[in-house]
């Protein structure tokens, strides 16, 4: 049975570098960092006091104020990004067969703000004073549920949660749902709002975060020899994945075609990558095979590139194994150098970057690259972006739990 072709017709972003993908993209091309000292909560006594934070968040341009009170911050981000993507796509769901339209959404942690605030209420006021919205706000699946409610979508609807690979898994599921004929349109992506006092303290306690409190904007330095951990970020990105015939039937603008998806697990360690990159190799190979592409047809890789000593080394090794001699020719960058690590939303904003790179024939820099690491010796687009005619690209996401997921996209050619 032949697979339906799937295209991207809408993009929406809520990021530390701006709302709306055009502002986000301009800031990335300019090499601007979204990292700063945390302002949303006190950080006295914290070993890490910075992150890639969305300042003074107000959901009401996208969400009814009454409904916003029933959503955790991560869900508000999701609905806002989805609203932007729907608007951008020009789709009118009131004229669509909504039984064939759905939402599949990724988040690694979900309603952490709700959890910590309700726990405080429980301790200070007792068990009878908890809000009846505590559980509905907490649920990771609240995000696709709220998106479906807003647009009346009655097709496939669920969440994926696989740490940093979550959004790629959601988008991979969206791809499969359309390819197999189950749906015509899926609103997909990921959101995360774990930059809370519990989230920041928890990741710092693991030793996963950079400790450059004196220079936060220089803290995220993927593939640099002096990298010392990732920077926690927050935000969301959403897409309209659409069956090609459906998109053409309504005269939609097409950004790119989603041509492949690959997934695997390291089966090695809960938080550390398998040192040789074996799991990432398998996911990239599966993605390329699914897309029916050779490694030398890939022009660009948006790397997972977390800025941790182990991840960047293992991912570099994996790219070398998959691409062989072509590994030194392919252009690579890490969006996390400017946005920090958005955990379950990272793959979503990074797919937005990959698609915009195809559209504009440009790739953004990996900033803060100062000292070459002999074990990370590929072309990471250090400090200056460049023009590049991207035909096919992959976006890697490698998560805690050993989860690996890879999306392959290409220029739409009719």
Protein backbone atom coordinates (compact mmCIF):
# COMPACT_ATOMS: atom_id res chain seq x y z
CA UNK A 1 0.00 0.00 0.00
CA UNK A 2 1.44 3.38 -1.00
CA UNK A 3 1.85 6.00 1.69
CA UNK A 4 0.19 9.40 1.50
CA UNK A 5 2.59 12.32 1.19
CA UNK A 6 2.63 14.70 4.16
CA UNK A 7 3.45 18.40 4.05
CA UNK A 8 3.76 21.22 6.57
CA UNK A 9 1.35 24.09 5.92
CA UNK A 10 1.46 26.04 9.19
CA UNK A 11 4.00 26.94 11.88
CA UNK A 12 3.52 28.56 15.31
CA UNK A 13 6.17 29.26 17.95
CA UNK A 14 6.29 30.56 21.51
CA UNK A 15 9.95 30.86 22.49
CA UNK A 16 12.42 32.79 24.67
CA UNK A 17 13.51 34.52 21.44
CA UNK A 18 10.07 35.77 20.50
CA UNK A 19 6.51 34.81 19.67
CA UNK A 20 5.75 34.06 16.06
CA UNK A 21 8.27 32.19 13.98
CA UNK A 22 9.51 35.16 11.94
CA UNK A 23 10.78 37.04 15.02
CA UNK A 24 12.21 33.81 16.43
CA UNK A 25 13.97 33.07 13.14
CA UNK A 26 15.42 36.58 12.78
CA UNK A 27 16.92 36.38 16.26
CA UNK A 28 18.44 32.98 15.56
CA UNK A 29 20.03 34.14 12.31
CA UNK A 30 21.46 37.12 14.22
CA UNK A 31 23.01 34.80 16.82
CA UNK A 32 21.01 36.27 19.69
CA UNK A 33 20.85 34.38 22.97
CA UNK A 34 17.56 33.96 24.84
CA UNK A 35 19.33 33.01 28.07
CA UNK A 36 19.35 35.29 31.12
CA UNK A 37 19.07 35.30 34.88
CA UNK A 38 15.70 33.93 36.01
CA UNK A 39 13.10 36.58 36.84
CA UNK A 40 9.90 34.56 37.30
CA UNK A 41 10.80 33.25 40.77
CA UNK A 42 13.47 33.92 43.43
CA UNK A 43 16.69 31.96 42.96
CA UNK A 44 18.51 32.78 46.18
CA UNK A 45 20.41 29.70 47.33
CA UNK A 46 20.21 27.99 43.91
CA UNK A 47 23.43 26.67 42.42
CA UNK A 48 22.08 27.64 38.97
CA UNK A 49 20.20 30.93 38.66
CA UNK A 50 19.59 31.32 34.92
CA UNK A 51 17.66 29.83 32.04
CA UNK A 52 15.98 30.55 28.71
CA UNK A 53 12.83 32.03 30.18
CA UNK A 54 9.68 33.52 28.68
CA UNK A 55 9.27 36.78 30.55
CA UNK A 56 5.94 38.26 31.72
CA UNK A 57 3.87 35.60 29.97
CA UNK A 58 0.29 36.59 29.16
CA UNK A 59 -1.77 33.88 27.42
CA UNK A 60 -4.84 36.02 26.79
CA UNK A 61 -4.03 36.97 23.17
CA UNK A 62 -4.53 33.29 22.34
CA UNK A 63 -6.63 31.86 25.18
CA UNK A 64 -9.85 33.10 26.77
CA UNK A 65 -8.94 34.43 30.27
CA UNK A 66 -11.41 32.09 31.98
CA UNK A 67 -10.05 29.08 30.08
CA UNK A 68 -6.46 30.15 30.72
CA UNK A 69 -7.04 29.75 34.46
CA UNK A 70 -7.87 26.10 33.84
CA UNK A 71 -4.56 25.43 32.07
CA UNK A 72 -1.02 24.97 33.31
CA UNK A 73 1.64 27.18 31.71
CA UNK A 74 2.83 24.35 29.42
CA UNK A 75 -0.73 23.92 28.12
CA UNK A 76 -1.14 27.65 27.57
CA UNK A 77 2.05 27.58 25.50
CA UNK A 78 0.65 24.66 23.51
CA UNK A 79 -2.68 26.32 22.72
CA UNK A 80 -0.94 29.59 21.84
CA UNK A 81 1.50 27.91 19.45
CA UNK A 82 -1.28 25.81 17.91
CA UNK A 83 -3.41 28.91 17.40
CA UNK A 84 -0.51 30.57 15.58
CA UNK A 85 0.00 27.50 13.39
CA UNK A 86 -3.68 27.22 12.47
CA UNK A 87 -3.81 30.91 11.59
CA UNK A 88 -0.61 30.63 9.57
CA UNK A 89 -1.94 27.66 7.61
CA UNK A 90 -5.19 29.36 6.65
CA UNK A 91 -7.15 26.21 7.41
CA UNK A 92 -10.81 26.61 8.36
CA UNK A 93 -11.77 23.64 10.51
CA UNK A 94 -15.45 24.61 10.31
CA UNK A 95 -15.30 23.56 6.67
CA UNK A 96 -13.23 20.41 7.22
CA UNK A 97 -14.20 16.86 8.09
CA UNK A 98 -13.12 17.12 11.72
CA UNK A 99 -13.38 13.35 12.21
CA UNK A 100 -10.23 13.27 10.05
CA UNK A 101 -8.46 16.08 11.90
CA UNK A 102 -6.63 15.60 15.19
CA UNK A 103 -3.91 16.74 17.56
CA UNK A 104 -0.88 14.76 18.71
CA UNK A 105 1.33 16.59 21.19
CA UNK A 106 4.58 16.04 23.07
CA UNK A 107 5.72 17.14 26.52
CA UNK A 108 8.35 15.61 28.73
CA UNK A 109 7.11 16.83 32.11
CA UNK A 110 3.76 18.56 31.69
CA UNK A 111 2.11 20.59 34.45
CA UNK A 112 5.01 21.17 36.83
CA UNK A 113 3.83 24.66 37.80
CA UNK A 114 0.46 23.24 38.77
CA UNK A 115 2.08 20.44 40.75
CA UNK A 116 4.32 22.68 42.84
CA UNK A 117 1.61 25.30 43.48
CA UNK A 118 -0.99 22.70 44.49
CA UNK A 119 1.51 20.94 46.74
CA UNK A 120 2.06 24.25 48.53
CA UNK A 121 -1.71 24.65 48.95
CA UNK A 122 -1.96 21.10 50.31
CA UNK A 123 0.76 21.71 52.90
CA UNK A 124 -0.54 25.11 54.00
CA UNK A 125 -4.31 24.65 53.80
CA UNK A 126 -4.97 20.92 53.79
CA UNK A 127 -6.42 18.36 51.37
CA UNK A 128 -9.90 19.87 51.11
CA UNK A 129 -8.62 23.14 49.64
CA UNK A 130 -7.24 21.77 46.39
CA UNK A 131 -8.68 23.10 43.15
CA UNK A 132 -10.96 20.74 41.21
CA UNK A 133 -8.83 21.66 38.19
CA UNK A 134 -5.63 20.29 39.74
CA UNK A 135 -5.58 17.00 37.82
CA UNK A 136 -6.97 18.38 34.52
CA UNK A 137 -4.31 21.13 34.58
CA UNK A 138 -1.56 18.67 35.45
CA UNK A 139 -2.17 16.11 32.69
CA UNK A 140 0.25 16.05 29.76
CA UNK A 141 -2.66 15.08 27.50
CA UNK A 142 -4.46 18.29 28.48
CA UNK A 143 -2.53 20.04 25.70
CA UNK A 144 -3.88 18.09 22.71
CA UNK A 145 -7.22 17.87 24.48
CA UNK A 146 -7.51 21.65 24.76
CA UNK A 147 -6.38 22.10 21.15
CA UNK A 148 -9.08 19.65 20.02
CA UNK A 149 -11.72 21.44 22.09
CA UNK A 150 -10.78 24.83 20.64
CA UNK A 151 -11.14 23.62 17.04
CA UNK A 152 -13.64 20.79 17.41
CA UNK A 153 -11.16 18.14 16.25
CA UNK A 154 -12.51 14.60 16.54
CA UNK A 155 -9.71 12.54 14.97
CA UNK A 156 -6.55 11.07 16.58
CA UNK A 157 -5.72 12.81 19.83
CA UNK A 158 -3.07 11.87 22.40
CA UNK A 159 0.25 12.83 23.95
CA UNK A 160 3.73 11.42 23.72
CA UNK A 161 6.15 11.71 26.63
CA UNK A 162 9.72 10.59 26.05
CA UNK A 163 11.79 13.33 27.68
CA UNK A 164 13.75 15.35 25.10
CA UNK A 165 12.48 13.16 22.25
CA UNK A 166 8.80 13.83 23.03
CA UNK A 167 7.95 16.30 20.27
CA UNK A 168 9.71 14.29 17.57
CA UNK A 169 7.73 11.26 18.69
CA UNK A 170 4.49 13.25 18.51
CA UNK A 171 5.34 14.51 15.04
CA UNK A 172 6.39 11.03 13.94
CA UNK A 173 3.02 9.71 15.08
CA UNK A 174 1.29 12.56 13.22
CA UNK A 175 3.21 11.63 10.08
CA UNK A 176 2.19 7.98 10.36
CA UNK A 177 -1.44 8.85 11.08
CA UNK A 178 -1.69 10.75 7.80
CA UNK A 179 0.49 8.39 5.77
CA UNK A 180 -1.71 5.42 6.67
CA UNK A 181 -4.96 7.20 5.81
CA UNK A 182 -6.27 7.64 9.35
CA UNK A 183 -6.28 11.45 9.16
CA UNK A 184 -5.95 14.35 6.74
CA UNK A 185 -4.72 17.02 9.16
CA UNK A 186 -2.89 16.82 12.48
CA UNK A 187 -2.00 19.75 14.73
CA UNK A 188 1.26 18.55 16.25
CA UNK A 189 4.31 19.77 18.14
CA UNK A 190 5.42 20.07 21.74
CA UNK A 191 5.47 22.37 24.75
CA UNK A 192 7.30 22.54 28.05
CA UNK A 193 7.26 24.82 31.09
CA UNK A 194 9.66 23.11 33.49
CA UNK A 195 11.65 26.26 34.24
CA UNK A 196 10.11 26.45 37.72
CA UNK A 197 11.83 26.43 41.10
CA UNK A 198 11.42 22.65 41.32
CA UNK A 199 12.50 22.08 37.74
CA UNK A 200 15.59 24.27 37.95
CA UNK A 201 16.65 22.86 41.31
CA UNK A 202 15.97 19.31 40.17
CA UNK A 203 18.04 19.47 36.99
CA UNK A 204 20.79 21.33 38.84
CA UNK A 205 20.78 18.61 41.49
CA UNK A 206 21.43 16.04 38.76
CA UNK A 207 24.50 17.96 37.70
CA UNK A 208 23.00 18.34 34.22
CA UNK A 209 23.05 22.14 33.99
CA UNK A 210 25.77 24.64 33.19
CA UNK A 211 26.82 26.67 36.22
CA UNK A 212 27.97 29.83 34.41
CA UNK A 213 25.95 32.18 36.61
CA UNK A 214 28.39 35.00 35.90
CA UNK A 215 27.81 34.82 32.14
CA UNK A 216 24.49 33.10 31.33
CA UNK A 217 24.41 34.00 27.64
CA UNK A 218 27.68 32.12 27.14
CA UNK A 219 26.55 29.07 29.11
CA UNK A 220 25.05 26.98 26.30
CA UNK A 221 28.02 26.05 24.11
CA UNK A 222 27.28 22.86 22.18
CA UNK A 223 30.30 20.93 20.90
CA UNK A 224 32.73 23.41 22.51
CA UNK A 225 35.53 21.80 24.53
CA UNK A 226 34.60 23.82 27.64
CA UNK A 227 30.90 22.95 27.68
CA UNK A 228 29.69 22.11 31.19
CA UNK A 229 25.98 21.31 30.89
CA UNK A 230 22.75 22.39 29.26
CA UNK A 231 20.61 25.46 29.94
CA UNK A 232 16.97 24.89 30.89
CA UNK A 233 14.47 26.59 28.59
CA UNK A 234 10.71 26.75 28.00
CA UNK A 235 8.24 27.33 25.20
CA UNK A 236 6.41 25.56 22.38
CA UNK A 237 6.14 25.06 18.66
CA UNK A 238 3.23 23.73 16.62
CA UNK A 239 2.72 22.60 13.04
CA UNK A 240 -0.07 21.73 10.69
CA UNK A 241 0.85 18.38 9.17
CA UNK A 242 -1.44 17.82 6.19
CA UNK A 243 -2.06 15.23 3.53
CA UNK A 244 -0.67 16.66 0.31
CA UNK A 245 -3.91 16.26 -1.66
CA UNK A 246 -5.86 17.95 1.14
CA UNK A 247 -3.43 20.87 1.22
CA UNK A 248 -3.48 21.29 -2.56
CA UNK A 249 -7.26 21.07 -2.56
CA UNK A 250 -7.56 24.18 -0.43
CA UNK A 251 -4.67 26.03 -2.11
CA UNK A 252 -2.45 25.95 0.97
CA UNK A 253 1.08 27.32 1.08
CA UNK A 254 3.53 24.46 1.63
CA UNK A 255 6.71 24.99 3.65
CA UNK A 256 8.28 21.56 3.31
CA UNK A 257 7.53 17.87 2.99
CA UNK A 258 7.94 15.44 5.90
CA UNK A 259 9.63 12.47 4.26
CA UNK A 260 10.81 10.19 7.06
CA UNK A 261 10.87 9.27 10.72
CA UNK A 262 13.16 7.01 12.73
CA UNK A 263 13.17 5.96 16.36
CA UNK A 264 15.16 3.72 18.71
CA UNK A 265 16.34 3.37 22.27
CA UNK A 266 19.86 3.01 23.68
CA UNK A 267 18.86 0.33 26.17
CA UNK A 268 21.82 1.56 28.19
CA UNK A 269 21.23 4.16 30.95
CA UNK A 270 18.39 6.33 32.19
CA UNK A 271 20.17 9.68 31.82
CA UNK A 272 23.49 9.09 30.01
CA UNK A 273 23.74 8.39 26.26
CA UNK A 274 25.33 5.19 25.03
CA UNK A 275 28.94 6.37 24.50
CA UNK A 276 29.34 5.17 20.91
CA UNK A 277 26.03 6.71 19.82
CA UNK A 278 24.65 3.31 18.80
CA UNK A 279 21.01 4.21 19.48
CA UNK A 280 21.25 7.54 17.65
CA UNK A 281 22.88 5.74 14.71
CA UNK A 282 19.94 3.34 14.48
CA UNK A 283 17.36 6.16 14.64
CA UNK A 284 19.09 8.17 11.90
CA UNK A 285 19.47 5.08 9.72
CA UNK A 286 15.80 4.26 10.15
CA UNK A 287 14.81 7.82 9.31
CA UNK A 288 16.89 7.82 6.15
CA UNK A 289 15.55 4.41 5.11
CA UNK A 290 11.98 5.57 5.72
CA UNK A 291 12.66 8.60 3.51
CA UNK A 292 14.42 6.44 0.89
CA UNK A 293 17.44 8.74 1.03
CA UNK A 294 21.17 8.12 0.97
CA UNK A 295 23.28 9.79 3.68
CA UNK A 296 25.01 11.97 1.07
CA UNK A 297 21.66 13.50 0.11
CA UNK A 298 21.37 15.20 3.51
CA UNK A 299 22.53 18.81 3.35
CA UNK A 300 21.93 19.85 6.96
CA UNK A 301 21.52 18.36 10.43
CA UNK A 302 19.85 20.23 13.26
CA UNK A 303 21.66 18.40 16.05
CA UNK A 304 20.33 17.55 19.48
CA UNK A 305 23.47 19.40 20.63
CA UNK A 306 22.68 19.89 24.30
CA UNK A 307 26.05 21.32 25.45
CA UNK A 308 26.67 18.43 27.83
CA UNK A 309 30.04 16.64 27.73
CA UNK A 310 28.56 13.20 27.05
CA UNK A 311 25.76 14.01 24.61
CA UNK A 312 27.74 16.11 22.16
CA UNK A 313 30.54 13.55 21.99
CA UNK A 314 28.13 10.63 21.45
CA UNK A 315 26.06 12.48 18.86
CA UNK A 316 29.19 13.42 16.92
CA UNK A 317 30.27 9.77 16.92
CA UNK A 318 26.82 8.72 15.71
CA UNK A 319 26.82 11.22 12.84
CA UNK A 320 30.24 9.95 11.73
CA UNK A 321 29.00 6.35 11.72
CA UNK A 322 25.88 7.15 9.70
CA UNK A 323 27.37 9.61 7.22
CA UNK A 324 30.91 8.31 6.81
CA UNK A 325 33.02 10.58 4.61
CA UNK A 326 30.01 12.88 4.10
CA UNK A 327 29.96 13.70 7.83
CA UNK A 328 32.67 16.33 7.37
CA UNK A 329 30.71 17.93 4.51
CA UNK A 330 27.23 18.15 6.02
CA UNK A 331 26.39 21.40 7.85
CA UNK A 332 25.37 20.97 11.49
CA UNK A 333 24.14 23.42 14.11
CA UNK A 334 22.53 23.48 17.54
CA UNK A 335 19.54 25.73 18.17
CA UNK A 336 20.01 25.09 21.91
CA UNK A 337 23.05 27.38 21.88
CA UNK A 338 20.52 30.25 21.82
CA UNK A 339 17.25 28.84 23.18
CA UNK A 340 18.57 26.52 25.85
CA UNK A 341 17.03 23.08 26.10
CA UNK A 342 13.23 23.04 25.91
CA UNK A 343 13.08 19.36 26.88
CA UNK A 344 9.86 17.90 25.45
CA UNK A 345 9.38 20.95 23.21
CA UNK A 346 12.96 21.04 21.89
CA UNK A 347 12.32 18.87 18.84
CA UNK A 348 9.35 21.03 17.86
CA UNK A 349 11.17 24.36 17.81
CA UNK A 350 14.10 22.64 16.12
CA UNK A 351 11.86 21.30 13.36
CA UNK A 352 10.60 24.86 12.86
CA UNK A 353 14.21 25.93 12.44
CA UNK A 354 14.91 23.10 9.99
CA UNK A 355 11.87 23.97 7.88
CA UNK A 356 12.75 27.68 7.83
CA UNK A 357 16.30 26.78 6.81
CA UNK A 358 14.82 24.95 3.80
CA UNK A 359 12.54 27.90 3.00
CA UNK A 360 15.19 30.63 3.21
CA UNK A 361 18.29 28.64 2.21
CA UNK A 362 20.05 29.79 5.37
CA UNK A 363 21.26 28.10 8.54
CA UNK A 364 21.78 29.83 11.85
CA UNK A 365 25.05 29.75 13.82
CA UNK A 366 25.95 27.64 16.82
CA UNK A 367 26.98 30.44 19.15
CA UNK A 368 29.53 30.33 21.99
CA UNK A 369 31.82 28.01 20.06
CA UNK A 370 35.32 29.05 21.16
CA UNK A 371 37.53 26.02 21.76
CA UNK A 372 37.68 23.01 19.45
CA UNK A 373 37.11 19.62 21.06
CA UNK A 374 39.14 16.88 19.33
CA UNK A 375 36.22 14.50 19.90
CA UNK A 376 33.72 16.94 18.37
CA UNK A 377 35.37 17.79 15.08
CA UNK A 378 32.60 18.29 12.54
CA UNK A 379 31.21 21.47 10.92
CA UNK A 380 28.93 22.92 13.61
CA UNK A 381 28.48 26.33 11.89
CA UNK A 382 30.46 28.13 14.61
CA UNK A 383 29.32 31.65 15.57
CA UNK A 384 28.24 32.76 12.10
CA UNK A 385 25.33 31.47 10.08
CA UNK A 386 25.60 30.97 6.36
CA UNK A 387 23.68 30.60 3.14
CA UNK A 388 22.94 26.99 2.29
CA UNK A 389 20.57 25.49 -0.27
CA UNK A 390 19.01 22.86 2.00
CA UNK A 391 17.28 20.13 0.02
CA UNK A 392 16.97 17.40 2.65
CA UNK A 393 17.63 17.73 6.37
CA UNK A 394 17.28 15.77 9.58
CA UNK A 395 16.46 16.95 13.08
CA UNK A 396 17.80 14.80 15.91
CA UNK A 397 16.32 14.46 19.40
CA UNK A 398 17.92 12.17 21.97
CA UNK A 399 16.22 11.96 25.36
CA UNK A 400 16.67 10.72 28.91
CA UNK A 401 15.64 7.09 29.00
CA UNK A 402 17.76 6.49 25.91
CA UNK A 403 14.93 7.61 23.60
CA UNK A 404 16.09 8.61 20.11
CA UNK A 405 13.85 10.15 17.46
CA UNK A 406 14.68 11.64 14.08
CA UNK A 407 12.50 13.61 11.65
CA UNK A 408 13.55 13.90 8.00
CA UNK A 409 12.20 16.80 5.90
CA UNK A 410 12.80 18.03 2.40
CA UNK A 411 12.06 20.85 0.01
CA UNK A 412 8.60 20.39 -1.52
CA UNK A 413 8.87 19.90 -5.26
CA UNK A 414 5.34 19.13 -6.32
